[in-house]
Protein backbone atom coordinates (compact mmCIF):
# COMPACT_ATOMS: atom_id res chain seq x y z
CA MET A 1 9.73 -14.21 2.41
CA GLY A 2 11.83 -11.42 3.93
CA ALA A 3 12.26 -7.87 2.79
CA ILE A 4 15.08 -7.26 0.30
CA LEU A 5 14.99 -3.52 1.07
CA ARG A 6 14.26 -1.80 4.38
CA VAL A 7 14.17 1.98 4.73
CA GLN A 8 13.70 3.34 8.24
CA GLY A 9 13.26 6.98 9.25
CA LEU A 10 15.01 8.46 6.20
CA CYS A 11 15.42 12.24 6.39
CA LYS A 12 17.08 14.64 3.97
CA ARG A 13 17.43 18.38 4.55
CA TYR A 14 19.03 21.09 2.43
CA GLU A 15 20.39 24.30 3.91
CA LEU A 16 19.31 27.33 1.87
CA SER A 17 21.99 29.61 3.30
CA LYS A 18 21.15 32.61 1.11
CA LEU A 19 17.59 32.54 2.42
CA GLY A 20 18.52 31.50 5.95
CA LYS A 21 16.12 28.57 5.70
CA GLU A 22 16.15 24.80 5.65
CA LEU A 23 14.29 22.73 3.06
CA VAL A 24 13.10 19.33 4.23
CA ALA A 25 13.08 17.07 1.17
CA LEU A 26 12.27 13.84 3.01
CA ASP A 27 10.95 13.51 6.55
CA LYS A 28 11.03 10.14 8.33
CA VAL A 29 10.33 7.98 5.27
CA SER A 30 10.01 4.27 6.08
CA PHE A 31 9.00 1.27 3.96
CA GLU A 32 9.97 -2.28 3.03
CA VAL A 33 10.10 -4.06 -0.33
CA GLU A 34 9.88 -7.83 -0.67
CA LYS A 35 11.86 -9.71 -3.31
CA GLY A 36 9.92 -9.58 -6.59
CA GLU A 37 7.65 -6.80 -5.35
CA THR A 38 7.06 -3.60 -7.28
CA LEU A 39 6.66 -0.39 -5.31
CA GLY A 40 5.53 2.84 -6.93
CA ILE A 41 6.21 6.23 -5.42
CA ILE A 42 4.03 9.04 -6.66
CA GLY A 43 4.02 12.71 -5.84
CA ARG A 44 4.24 16.19 -7.25
CA SER A 45 7.31 17.52 -9.00
CA GLY A 46 9.86 18.52 -6.38
CA ALA A 47 8.35 16.25 -3.72
CA GLY A 48 11.63 14.32 -3.24
CA LYS A 49 11.03 11.19 -5.34
CA THR A 50 14.29 11.43 -7.28
CA THR A 51 16.16 12.41 -4.11
CA LEU A 52 14.89 9.23 -2.46
CA LEU A 53 15.97 7.13 -5.46
CA ARG A 54 19.42 8.75 -5.44
CA MET A 55 19.80 7.84 -1.76
CA LEU A 56 18.70 4.25 -2.36
CA ARG A 57 21.24 4.07 -5.19
CA GLY A 58 24.03 5.28 -2.88
CA TYR A 59 24.58 8.51 -4.82
CA GLU A 60 23.35 10.90 -2.16
CA ARG A 61 23.90 10.99 1.56
CA PHE A 62 21.05 11.57 4.00
CA ASP A 63 20.74 13.19 7.41
CA GLU A 64 18.92 10.52 9.43
CA GLY A 65 17.73 6.95 9.03
CA VAL A 66 18.90 3.60 7.73
CA ILE A 67 18.88 1.89 4.34
CA GLU A 68 19.29 -1.90 4.31
CA LEU A 69 19.59 -3.79 1.01
CA ASP A 70 20.48 -7.47 1.15
CA ASP A 71 23.47 -7.54 3.51
CA VAL A 72 24.36 -3.84 3.16
CA ARG A 73 23.38 -1.42 5.93
CA VAL A 74 23.94 2.31 5.36
CA THR A 75 23.49 5.15 7.84
CA PRO A 76 24.42 8.84 7.59
CA ASP A 77 27.78 8.01 9.22
CA SER A 78 28.63 5.07 6.94
CA PRO A 79 31.90 5.28 5.03
CA HIS A 80 31.91 5.86 1.27
CA SER A 81 32.68 2.15 0.76
CA GLU A 82 29.24 1.20 2.12
CA PHE A 83 27.53 3.62 -0.27
CA ARG A 84 29.57 2.01 -3.09
CA LYS A 85 28.10 -1.36 -2.09
CA LEU A 86 24.62 0.10 -2.61
CA GLN A 87 25.71 1.24 -6.07
CA GLU A 88 26.94 -2.27 -6.91
CA LYS A 89 23.64 -3.86 -5.87
CA THR A 90 21.33 -1.39 -7.60
CA ALA A 91 20.66 -0.09 -11.09
CA PHE A 92 19.13 3.31 -11.75
CA HIS A 93 17.09 4.07 -14.85
CA LEU A 94 17.00 7.86 -15.12
CA GLN A 95 14.34 9.84 -16.89
CA ARG A 96 15.47 11.30 -20.23
CA SER A 97 19.06 10.13 -20.11
CA PHE A 98 20.39 8.94 -23.44
CA ALA A 99 24.08 8.50 -22.66
CA LEU A 100 24.60 5.39 -24.76
CA TYR A 101 27.02 4.25 -27.40
CA ASN A 102 26.44 5.00 -31.10
CA ILE A 103 26.31 1.28 -31.90
CA SER A 104 23.57 -1.29 -32.36
CA VAL A 105 20.93 -1.94 -29.73
CA ILE A 106 22.28 -5.41 -29.01
CA ASP A 107 25.87 -4.21 -28.70
CA ASN A 108 24.78 -1.60 -26.15
CA VAL A 109 23.34 -4.45 -24.05
CA ILE A 110 26.32 -6.72 -24.70
CA LYS A 111 28.70 -4.02 -23.46
CA ARG A 112 26.84 -3.92 -20.13
CA LEU A 113 26.81 -7.72 -19.88
CA ARG A 114 30.53 -7.82 -20.68
CA ALA A 115 31.25 -5.35 -17.87
CA LYS A 116 29.98 -7.96 -15.39
CA GLN A 117 32.59 -10.39 -16.74
CA VAL A 118 35.68 -8.21 -17.16
CA GLY A 119 34.96 -5.04 -15.18
CA PHE A 120 34.59 -2.62 -18.11
CA GLU A 121 32.30 -2.21 -21.09
CA GLU A 122 33.48 -3.62 -24.40
CA VAL A 123 32.18 -5.62 -27.30
CA PRO A 124 34.05 -8.95 -27.13
CA VAL A 125 36.63 -9.51 -29.83
CA PHE A 126 36.32 -13.30 -29.91
CA GLU A 127 33.23 -14.65 -31.66
CA ALA A 128 32.56 -17.35 -29.04
CA ASP A 129 32.47 -14.73 -26.24
CA TYR A 130 30.25 -12.48 -28.36
CA GLU A 131 27.78 -15.25 -29.24
CA GLU A 132 27.44 -16.29 -25.61
CA LEU A 133 26.56 -12.74 -24.58
CA LYS A 134 24.36 -12.24 -27.64
CA GLU A 135 21.99 -14.99 -26.49
CA GLU A 136 21.70 -13.41 -23.05
CA ALA A 137 21.19 -9.98 -24.62
CA PHE A 138 18.34 -11.31 -26.78
CA LYS A 139 16.55 -12.56 -23.65
CA ILE A 140 16.79 -9.08 -22.15
CA LEU A 141 15.66 -7.42 -25.39
CA ASP A 142 12.63 -9.75 -25.35
CA LEU A 143 11.79 -8.45 -21.86
CA VAL A 144 11.75 -4.84 -23.05
CA GLY A 145 10.15 -5.60 -26.43
CA LEU A 146 13.09 -4.64 -28.65
CA ARG A 147 14.18 -7.92 -30.24
CA ASP A 148 12.90 -6.73 -33.61
CA LYS A 149 15.25 -3.72 -33.43
CA TRP A 150 18.33 -5.57 -32.19
CA ASN A 151 20.51 -4.47 -35.10
CA HIS A 152 19.32 -0.85 -35.30
CA LEU A 153 21.80 1.87 -34.43
CA PHE A 154 20.91 3.51 -31.14
CA THR A 155 20.89 6.99 -32.70
CA ILE A 156 18.01 6.23 -35.10
CA LEU A 157 15.62 4.99 -32.43
CA SER A 158 12.65 6.94 -31.14
CA GLY A 159 12.86 8.46 -27.67
CA GLY A 160 10.69 5.68 -26.23
CA ASP A 161 12.84 2.97 -27.80
CA LYS A 162 15.97 4.63 -26.46
CA GLN A 163 14.39 4.48 -23.00
CA ARG A 164 13.85 0.75 -23.47
CA VAL A 165 17.51 0.25 -24.47
CA LEU A 166 18.51 2.05 -21.29
CA LEU A 167 16.20 -0.22 -19.31
CA ALA A 168 17.68 -3.29 -21.03
CA ARG A 169 21.17 -2.15 -20.01
CA GLN A 170 20.06 -1.73 -16.40
CA LEU A 171 18.51 -5.21 -16.42
CA ALA A 172 21.75 -6.59 -17.89
CA LYS A 173 23.56 -5.43 -14.77
CA GLY A 174 21.54 -8.00 -12.79
CA PRO A 175 20.82 -5.73 -9.82
CA SER A 176 19.23 -6.74 -6.54
CA LEU A 177 17.12 -3.59 -6.82
CA LEU A 178 16.07 -1.76 -9.99
CA LEU A 179 15.24 1.91 -9.43
CA LEU A 180 13.14 3.57 -12.13
CA ASP A 181 12.72 7.33 -12.34
CA GLU A 182 9.78 7.99 -14.68
CA PRO A 183 10.66 5.08 -16.98
CA GLY A 184 7.66 5.70 -19.23
CA THR A 185 8.88 9.14 -20.27
CA MET A 186 8.73 9.47 -24.04
CA SER A 187 6.94 6.12 -24.47
CA ASP A 188 3.56 5.72 -26.02
CA PRO A 189 0.68 4.62 -23.73
CA LEU A 190 0.70 1.00 -24.97
CA THR A 191 4.46 0.56 -24.43
CA ARG A 192 4.30 2.29 -21.06
């Protein structure tokens, strides 16, 4: 099996002009990830973990190196359109981000599934369209352990359950690569 993701010699530097210094956030980072493989990146706060994830997502440019995901190859000189391709192929589960709709758990997932069909998030008006997506949404809720709360409003959920709804929405995107930034934040040890 071949690597789905290749990172070669990734470097990221920040100019601290007021101090007249340069901060090296990442220095020649290289690794590969096979399809179906899970890779964990650990380090102290401020070590560059989130910066690396933001670069893999296509949100942040880098100074040196290459990111290859599926058929997308991005270098520091790549046009914005290539970084957009990374964004289309990845999903990013942020720590402590609860920017979801004040609707049921299942409708939050259905909106993300619907976006794959029509290009924007909506709850389908026609019952047949809704029911088709509902079945797919239930499968995703089973994966994150939230089927029993499918009809709960998002706002009444615990912090850990909200994190799982966010994860379900990222899975609903069907990404080639799922990036998780401290996904266990606010979850109890058993759920984590």
